């Protein structure tokens, strides 16, 4: 499925470029604008399909993730240390992505709000701090789900998940119910992604028809900028690991080459899970620590994916000439910090998270179409980064807990 979908997306992107280039050269501006408006119907349908899964998917995955956090009580200090590392890594990943995309400005100059029909949606007035704080608390979870209001859903999920965790076995049937809902919605999301090539073709063809092949320069800057940001994130993560593990962190990364390549080639960090677990044990991490920290990492410590969420969201804002001030960017980071949790197994989970985030900052959701064409290829890099981040986190916690073999730390 992933390989077939990747091939289909690549073919759709090439066809979109060719069709758009032909239209740009052969049709006038009015005709190309009308063509873009017609093609927008296809991207709009795909966006609606993505929005369709947001509410049940986010609610179920967050409830299950938070409810299962009750298991950390049995592990005591290791659980606290693990979450402290995860939260620190999340802050670094999100912040680094926001800083680099702001400095690089890959979306600047596209001016989509001025030339494309997909940006004609009326933008809401910015909320005051008081309004924002009031509106994140839901008066009704059903109203929040109906309107895809992600933050109110998160607030409800936190309370509901904590209540389930505190009740333990009494709430098992409810937690199992939400777990089944999450599995069903994962399958629905997989079905939705089958339509991605159609959306890619429509999105690329419409933009190229209006702007010509200059869009390739924008994509090159975006892809190159993000891959460069991932390299810098690797340096930061390895540097943080060096502070705890010393030079052994380099041997750890060397030992993780196979899991990293599996994640990169399949664009799935989950596909690399079994080999990651084996390599951590081979490195010297006790099975007790690795079997606890690594699964948590796959829900709470997706460093590459979190960086992509900020990088992609702000890139879309730049493409529409929407300026986000410091307060808005900080709010976005906090929001992504929560909404990105529990989305590890979601096909193209980052796109779902970004789709849920954009409306809160008055960024046209149609801008998500800009990411369709290159998302799979960037997913390869961020999946590999997720493996690196979780491997280092597991080894660090093992060292803190005295459950890393002396041989692993030998110079």
Protein backbone atom coordinates (compact mmCIF):
# COMPACT_ATOMS: atom_id res chain seq x y z
CA UNK A 1 0.00 0.00 0.00
CA UNK A 2 2.65 2.64 0.94
CA UNK A 3 4.77 1.92 -2.15
CA UNK A 4 1.77 1.93 -4.47
CA UNK A 5 0.49 5.15 -2.95
CA UNK A 6 3.91 6.77 -3.24
CA UNK A 7 4.14 5.84 -6.92
CA UNK A 8 0.64 7.16 -7.54
CA UNK A 9 1.44 10.45 -5.79
CA UNK A 10 4.63 10.84 -7.83
CA UNK A 11 2.79 10.17 -11.10
CA UNK A 12 0.02 12.59 -10.10
CA UNK A 13 2.58 15.28 -9.28
CA UNK A 14 4.33 14.91 -12.66
CA UNK A 15 1.00 14.96 -14.52
CA UNK A 16 -0.07 18.01 -12.53
CA UNK A 17 3.16 19.80 -13.48
CA UNK A 18 2.74 18.95 -17.17
CA UNK A 19 -0.94 19.90 -17.34
CA UNK A 20 -0.39 23.09 -15.35
CA UNK A 21 2.63 24.08 -17.47
CA UNK A 22 0.66 23.54 -20.69
CA UNK A 23 -2.25 25.62 -19.39
CA UNK A 24 0.11 28.37 -18.20
CA UNK A 25 1.55 28.68 -21.70
CA UNK A 26 -1.59 28.17 -23.78
CA UNK A 27 -4.44 29.78 -21.80
CA UNK A 28 -4.95 33.32 -20.61
CA UNK A 29 -5.18 34.41 -16.97
CA UNK A 30 -8.98 34.31 -16.85
CA UNK A 31 -9.10 30.77 -18.24
CA UNK A 32 -6.42 29.54 -15.86
CA UNK A 33 -8.22 31.14 -12.92
CA UNK A 34 -11.43 29.34 -13.91
CA UNK A 35 -9.49 26.09 -14.33
CA UNK A 36 -7.93 26.47 -10.87
CA UNK A 37 -11.38 27.09 -9.39
CA UNK A 38 -12.71 23.90 -10.98
CA UNK A 39 -9.72 21.83 -9.86
CA UNK A 40 -10.15 23.24 -6.38
CA UNK A 41 -13.32 21.15 -6.07
CA UNK A 42 -11.15 18.01 -6.00
CA UNK A 43 -8.78 19.34 -3.37
CA UNK A 44 -11.70 20.65 -1.33
CA UNK A 45 -13.33 17.20 -1.30
CA UNK A 46 -10.08 15.66 -0.08
CA UNK A 47 -9.73 18.31 2.61
CA UNK A 48 -13.27 17.59 3.75
CA UNK A 49 -12.42 13.89 3.96
CA UNK A 50 -9.45 14.71 6.19
CA UNK A 51 -11.54 17.03 8.35
CA UNK A 52 -14.14 14.25 8.61
CA UNK A 53 -11.76 12.05 10.62
CA UNK A 54 -10.23 14.76 12.84
CA UNK A 55 -12.75 14.83 15.70
CA UNK A 56 -13.21 11.09 16.38
CA UNK A 57 -9.53 10.37 15.70
CA UNK A 58 -8.09 13.06 17.95
CA UNK A 59 -10.55 12.41 20.76
CA UNK A 60 -10.11 8.62 20.79
CA UNK A 61 -6.30 8.60 20.48
CA UNK A 62 -5.85 11.22 23.20
CA UNK A 63 -8.24 9.53 25.62
CA UNK A 64 -6.49 6.18 25.13
CA UNK A 65 -3.02 7.70 25.40
CA UNK A 66 -3.79 9.60 28.60
CA UNK A 67 -5.70 6.68 30.14
CA UNK A 68 -2.75 4.38 29.55
CA UNK A 69 -0.44 6.86 31.22
CA UNK A 70 -1.78 5.45 34.46
CA UNK A 71 0.64 2.59 33.82
CA UNK A 72 3.58 4.90 34.56
CA UNK A 73 2.71 4.84 38.28
CA UNK A 74 4.00 1.29 38.44
CA UNK A 75 7.34 2.43 37.08
CA UNK A 76 7.66 5.42 39.40
CA UNK A 77 10.71 7.59 38.81
CA UNK A 78 11.37 6.15 35.36
CA UNK A 79 7.98 7.42 34.18
CA UNK A 80 8.63 10.93 35.46
CA UNK A 81 12.10 11.04 33.92
CA UNK A 82 10.81 9.66 30.64
CA UNK A 83 8.06 12.27 30.33
CA UNK A 84 10.46 15.04 31.35
CA UNK A 85 12.79 14.08 28.51
CA UNK A 86 9.91 13.74 26.05
CA UNK A 87 8.48 17.15 26.91
CA UNK A 88 11.90 18.79 26.65
CA UNK A 89 12.54 17.16 23.27
CA UNK A 90 9.08 18.23 22.08
CA UNK A 91 9.73 21.86 23.03
CA UNK A 92 13.09 21.80 21.24
CA UNK A 93 11.67 20.17 18.09
CA UNK A 94 8.67 22.48 17.82
CA UNK A 95 10.65 25.63 18.60
CA UNK A 96 13.50 24.76 16.25
CA UNK A 97 11.04 24.15 13.42
CA UNK A 98 9.29 27.48 14.05
CA UNK A 99 12.57 29.42 14.22
CA UNK A 100 14.07 27.88 11.06
CA UNK A 101 10.96 28.23 8.88
CA UNK A 102 10.69 31.87 10.01
CA UNK A 103 14.31 32.52 9.10
CA UNK A 104 14.23 30.64 5.79
CA UNK A 105 10.81 31.94 4.65
CA UNK A 106 10.24 29.12 2.10
CA UNK A 107 6.65 30.18 1.42
CA UNK A 108 7.32 33.89 1.03
CA UNK A 109 6.54 35.38 -2.36
CA UNK A 110 3.83 32.90 -3.39
CA UNK A 111 1.10 35.48 -2.67
CA UNK A 112 -1.61 32.84 -2.92
CA UNK A 113 -4.18 35.08 -1.30
CA UNK A 114 -3.89 37.48 -4.23
CA UNK A 115 -3.96 35.08 -7.17
CA UNK A 116 -5.64 31.82 -6.23
CA UNK A 117 -9.34 31.19 -5.67
CA UNK A 118 -8.62 28.75 -2.84
CA UNK A 119 -7.76 31.61 -0.51
CA UNK A 120 -10.98 33.51 -0.91
CA UNK A 121 -12.41 32.27 2.38
CA UNK A 122 -13.23 35.10 4.72
CA UNK A 123 -10.83 35.22 7.62
CA UNK A 124 -12.14 35.59 11.12
CA UNK A 125 -11.00 38.41 13.36
CA UNK A 126 -8.16 37.48 15.72
CA UNK A 127 -9.32 36.49 19.19
CA UNK A 128 -8.29 38.38 22.28
CA UNK A 129 -6.42 36.51 25.02
CA UNK A 130 -9.57 36.45 27.15
CA UNK A 131 -11.67 35.03 24.31
CA UNK A 132 -9.03 32.43 23.51
CA UNK A 133 -8.77 31.20 27.09
CA UNK A 134 -12.55 31.07 27.46
CA UNK A 135 -13.15 29.25 24.18
CA UNK A 136 -10.71 26.41 24.84
CA UNK A 137 -13.04 25.12 27.55
CA UNK A 138 -15.97 23.31 25.88
CA UNK A 139 -19.54 23.87 26.93
CA UNK A 140 -20.39 20.68 25.04
CA UNK A 141 -18.02 18.04 23.69
CA UNK A 142 -20.53 17.31 20.93
CA UNK A 143 -20.51 20.94 19.81
CA UNK A 144 -16.69 20.94 19.82
CA UNK A 145 -16.60 17.77 17.72
CA UNK A 146 -19.23 19.06 15.31
CA UNK A 147 -17.17 22.19 14.66
CA UNK A 148 -13.78 20.41 14.74
CA UNK A 149 -12.62 22.67 17.59
CA UNK A 150 -9.45 20.85 18.50
CA UNK A 151 -8.48 22.61 21.73
CA UNK A 152 -11.85 22.10 23.48
CA UNK A 153 -11.65 18.44 22.46
CA UNK A 154 -8.17 18.23 23.97
CA UNK A 155 -9.38 19.74 27.26
CA UNK A 156 -12.23 17.23 27.46
CA UNK A 157 -9.92 14.33 26.50
CA UNK A 158 -7.45 15.27 29.24
CA UNK A 159 -10.15 15.26 31.94
CA UNK A 160 -11.79 12.12 30.56
CA UNK A 161 -8.49 10.26 30.13
CA UNK A 162 -7.28 11.16 33.63
CA UNK A 163 -10.58 9.98 35.09
CA UNK A 164 -10.24 6.66 33.23
CA UNK A 165 -6.64 6.28 34.45
CA UNK A 166 -7.64 6.94 38.07
CA UNK A 167 -10.45 4.37 37.97
CA UNK A 168 -8.15 1.65 36.64
CA UNK A 169 -9.93 -1.67 35.94
CA UNK A 170 -13.36 -0.10 36.45
CA UNK A 171 -12.87 2.02 33.33
CA UNK A 172 -11.27 -0.74 31.24
CA UNK A 173 -14.37 -1.34 29.13
CA UNK A 174 -14.57 2.38 28.28
CA UNK A 175 -10.87 2.63 27.44
CA UNK A 176 -11.18 -0.51 25.29
CA UNK A 177 -14.12 1.10 23.51
CA UNK A 178 -12.11 4.23 22.67
CA UNK A 179 -9.17 2.06 21.62
CA UNK A 180 -11.41 0.25 19.15
CA UNK A 181 -12.75 3.58 17.90
CA UNK A 182 -9.19 4.78 17.34
CA UNK A 183 -8.35 1.61 15.40
CA UNK A 184 -11.45 2.03 13.22
CA UNK A 185 -10.60 5.67 12.55
CA UNK A 186 -7.04 4.69 11.62
CA UNK A 187 -8.49 2.40 8.99
CA UNK A 188 -10.84 5.15 7.78
CA UNK A 189 -7.86 7.49 7.51
CA UNK A 190 -6.05 4.88 5.40
CA UNK A 191 -9.03 4.78 3.04
CA UNK A 192 -9.08 8.59 2.86
CA UNK A 193 -5.43 8.70 1.86
CA UNK A 194 -6.19 6.58 -1.21
CA UNK A 195 -7.61 9.77 -2.75
CA UNK A 196 -4.38 11.70 -2.12
CA UNK A 197 -3.05 11.36 -5.73
CA UNK A 198 -6.18 13.05 -7.11
CA UNK A 199 -5.73 15.93 -4.67
CA UNK A 200 -2.02 16.18 -5.54
CA UNK A 201 -2.77 16.39 -9.26
CA UNK A 202 -5.44 19.06 -8.76
CA UNK A 203 -3.35 21.11 -6.34
CA UNK A 204 -0.15 21.07 -8.44
CA UNK A 205 -1.93 21.65 -11.76
CA UNK A 206 -3.90 24.64 -10.44
CA UNK A 207 -0.89 26.35 -8.85
CA UNK A 208 1.38 25.78 -11.88
CA UNK A 209 -1.36 26.98 -14.24
CA UNK A 210 -1.47 30.26 -12.33
CA UNK A 211 2.20 30.74 -11.46
CA UNK A 212 4.16 28.64 -13.92
CA UNK A 213 7.07 26.43 -12.97
CA UNK A 214 8.33 28.94 -10.41
CA UNK A 215 6.44 26.79 -7.89
CA UNK A 216 9.25 24.24 -8.26
CA UNK A 217 11.66 26.74 -6.74
CA UNK A 218 9.32 27.13 -3.78
CA UNK A 219 9.07 23.37 -3.29
CA UNK A 220 12.84 23.04 -3.56
CA UNK A 221 13.32 25.69 -0.90
CA UNK A 222 10.70 24.10 1.34
CA UNK A 223 12.02 20.54 1.01
CA UNK A 224 15.66 21.61 1.27
CA UNK A 225 14.90 23.82 4.26
CA UNK A 226 13.05 21.10 6.12
CA UNK A 227 15.68 18.44 5.46
CA UNK A 228 18.33 20.88 6.66
CA UNK A 229 16.24 21.49 9.77
CA UNK A 230 16.11 17.73 10.39
CA UNK A 231 19.91 17.53 10.15
CA UNK A 232 20.18 20.29 12.74
CA UNK A 233 17.66 18.49 14.95
CA UNK A 234 19.78 15.35 14.74
CA UNK A 235 22.78 17.37 15.90
CA UNK A 236 20.79 18.77 18.84
CA UNK A 237 19.41 15.35 19.85
CA UNK A 238 22.79 13.64 19.61
CA UNK A 239 24.35 16.55 21.51
CA UNK A 240 21.78 16.15 24.29
CA UNK A 241 22.47 12.43 24.37
CA UNK A 242 26.21 13.11 24.57
CA UNK A 243 25.69 15.08 27.78
CA UNK A 244 24.35 11.91 29.44
CA UNK A 245 25.91 9.04 27.52
CA UNK A 246 29.20 10.56 26.42
CA UNK A 247 30.80 9.22 23.25
CA UNK A 248 28.64 6.10 23.55
CA UNK A 249 25.82 8.00 21.89
CA UNK A 250 27.72 7.82 18.60
CA UNK A 251 27.97 4.05 18.93
CA UNK A 252 24.24 3.97 19.67
CA UNK A 253 23.43 5.88 16.47
CA UNK A 254 25.77 3.62 14.49
CA UNK A 255 23.96 0.58 15.86
CA UNK A 256 20.63 2.10 14.86
CA UNK A 257 21.52 2.31 11.17
CA UNK A 258 19.23 -0.57 10.19
CA UNK A 259 16.12 0.68 12.06
CA UNK A 260 16.78 4.18 10.73
CA UNK A 261 16.97 2.89 7.15
CA UNK A 262 13.79 0.83 7.64
CA UNK A 263 11.95 3.93 8.88
CA UNK A 264 13.36 6.04 6.05
CA UNK A 265 12.56 3.59 3.25
CA UNK A 266 9.05 2.80 4.49
CA UNK A 267 8.25 6.33 5.74
CA UNK A 268 7.07 4.69 8.94
CA UNK A 269 8.86 4.78 12.29
CA UNK A 270 6.50 2.04 13.50
CA UNK A 271 7.86 -0.35 10.87
CA UNK A 272 11.26 -0.01 12.53
CA UNK A 273 9.97 -0.71 16.06
CA UNK A 274 10.99 -4.40 16.36
CA UNK A 275 14.55 -3.81 15.15
CA UNK A 276 14.85 -0.67 17.29
CA UNK A 277 13.92 -2.70 20.36
CA UNK A 278 16.47 -5.39 19.46
CA UNK A 279 19.27 -2.91 18.79
CA UNK A 280 18.65 -1.09 22.07
CA UNK A 281 18.98 -4.39 23.94
CA UNK A 282 22.15 -5.14 21.97
CA UNK A 283 23.50 -1.72 22.93
CA UNK A 284 22.99 -2.54 26.60
CA UNK A 285 19.58 -1.15 27.55
CA UNK A 286 17.61 -3.45 29.84
CA UNK A 287 14.45 -4.91 28.32
CA UNK A 288 12.42 -3.55 31.25
CA UNK A 289 13.32 0.03 30.36
CA UNK A 290 13.18 -0.31 26.58
CA UNK A 291 9.79 -2.05 26.62
CA UNK A 292 8.42 0.81 28.72
CA UNK A 293 10.08 3.91 27.24
CA UNK A 294 9.99 3.01 23.54
CA UNK A 295 6.21 2.45 23.24
CA UNK A 296 5.60 5.70 25.12
CA UNK A 297 8.02 7.41 22.75
CA UNK A 298 5.95 6.36 19.77
CA UNK A 299 3.04 8.34 21.19
CA UNK A 300 4.76 11.20 22.99
CA UNK A 301 8.16 11.73 21.39
CA UNK A 302 7.88 12.07 17.60
CA UNK A 303 10.57 14.71 17.21
CA UNK A 304 10.69 14.77 13.40
CA UNK A 305 6.91 14.81 13.04
CA UNK A 306 6.50 17.65 15.55
CA UNK A 307 9.08 19.76 13.74
CA UNK A 308 7.23 19.14 10.47
CA UNK A 309 3.94 20.31 11.99
CA UNK A 310 5.35 23.73 12.86
CA UNK A 311 7.43 23.97 9.69
CA UNK A 312 4.47 23.05 7.47
CA UNK A 313 1.89 25.21 9.28
CA UNK A 314 4.01 28.36 9.19
CA UNK A 315 5.03 27.64 5.57
CA UNK A 316 1.35 27.69 4.58
CA UNK A 317 0.85 30.95 6.48
CA UNK A 318 3.79 32.47 4.57
CA UNK A 319 2.33 31.31 1.25
CA UNK A 320 -0.84 33.26 2.04
CA UNK A 321 1.06 36.33 3.31
CA UNK A 322 -0.34 35.79 6.80
CA UNK A 323 1.92 37.16 9.52
CA UNK A 324 1.89 35.29 12.81
CA UNK A 325 3.08 37.29 15.80
CA UNK A 326 5.04 35.87 18.72
CA UNK A 327 1.90 35.19 20.76
CA UNK A 328 0.27 33.28 17.88
CA UNK A 329 3.40 31.21 17.20
CA UNK A 330 3.78 30.38 20.90
CA UNK A 331 0.11 29.35 21.05
CA UNK A 332 0.59 27.19 17.95
CA UNK A 333 3.55 25.43 19.56
CA UNK A 334 1.57 24.71 22.72
CA UNK A 335 -1.35 23.44 20.70
CA UNK A 336 0.84 21.17 18.57
CA UNK A 337 2.58 19.94 21.70
CA UNK A 338 -0.72 18.34 22.76
CA UNK A 339 -2.44 17.48 19.48
CA UNK A 340 0.57 15.66 18.05
CA UNK A 341 0.48 13.11 20.89
CA UNK A 342 -1.07 9.75 20.13
CA UNK A 343 -0.95 10.27 16.35
CA UNK A 344 2.01 7.98 15.64
CA UNK A 345 0.02 5.23 13.94
CA UNK A 346 -2.13 7.60 11.88
CA UNK A 347 -1.35 7.44 8.15
CA UNK A 348 -0.06 10.91 7.24
CA UNK A 349 -0.78 11.84 10.84
CA UNK A 350 1.12 15.11 10.51
CA UNK A 351 -1.29 16.28 7.80
CA UNK A 352 -4.23 15.52 10.07
CA UNK A 353 -2.63 17.50 12.92
CA UNK A 354 -1.85 20.45 10.62
CA UNK A 355 -5.40 20.38 9.22
CA UNK A 356 -6.74 20.62 12.75
CA UNK A 357 -4.38 23.48 13.61
CA UNK A 358 -4.75 25.89 10.68
CA UNK A 359 -8.32 27.14 11.38
CA UNK A 360 -7.34 28.35 14.86
CA UNK A 361 -4.95 30.86 13.29
CA UNK A 362 -7.15 31.96 10.39
CA UNK A 363 -4.92 30.19 7.88
CA UNK A 364 -6.88 28.82 4.87
CA UNK A 365 -7.14 25.06 5.21
CA UNK A 366 -6.85 24.74 1.44
CA UNK A 367 -3.17 25.57 1.85
CA UNK A 368 -2.74 22.01 3.09
CA UNK A 369 -2.87 21.02 -0.58
CA UNK A 370 0.57 22.59 -0.98
CA UNK A 371 2.03 19.83 1.20
CA UNK A 372 0.37 16.87 -0.54
CA UNK A 373 2.89 16.54 -3.37
CA UNK A 374 5.99 16.29 -1.18
CA UNK A 375 4.59 14.96 2.10
CA UNK A 376 5.52 11.31 1.60
CA UNK A 377 9.13 12.13 0.78
CA UNK A 378 9.46 14.39 3.81
CA UNK A 379 7.79 11.68 5.87
CA UNK A 380 10.81 9.48 5.12
CA UNK A 381 13.12 11.97 6.82
CA UNK A 382 10.90 12.68 9.81
CA UNK A 383 10.25 8.95 10.40
CA UNK A 384 14.00 8.31 10.55
CA UNK A 385 14.33 11.24 12.95
CA UNK A 386 11.63 9.76 15.19
CA UNK A 387 13.70 6.58 15.50
CA UNK A 388 16.82 8.57 16.41
CA UNK A 389 14.98 10.61 19.05
CA UNK A 390 13.31 7.61 20.68
CA UNK A 391 16.51 5.55 20.67
CA UNK A 392 18.47 8.29 22.45
CA UNK A 393 15.61 8.90 24.91
CA UNK A 394 15.45 5.20 25.84
CA UNK A 395 19.22 4.94 26.36
CA UNK A 396 19.26 8.13 28.45
CA UNK A 397 16.48 6.93 30.77
CA UNK A 398 18.24 3.58 31.13
CA UNK A 399 21.43 5.40 32.16
CA UNK A 400 19.52 7.53 34.70
CA UNK A 401 17.91 4.40 36.15
CA UNK A 402 21.18 2.46 36.33
CA UNK A 403 19.88 -0.09 33.81
CA UNK A 404 22.43 0.46 31.08
CA UNK A 405 25.21 -2.10 30.94
CA UNK A 406 28.75 -0.85 31.75
CA UNK A 407 29.88 -2.11 28.36
CA UNK A 408 27.56 0.38 26.66
CA UNK A 409 29.38 3.28 28.34
CA UNK A 410 32.87 1.96 27.71
CA UNK A 411 34.97 4.43 25.73
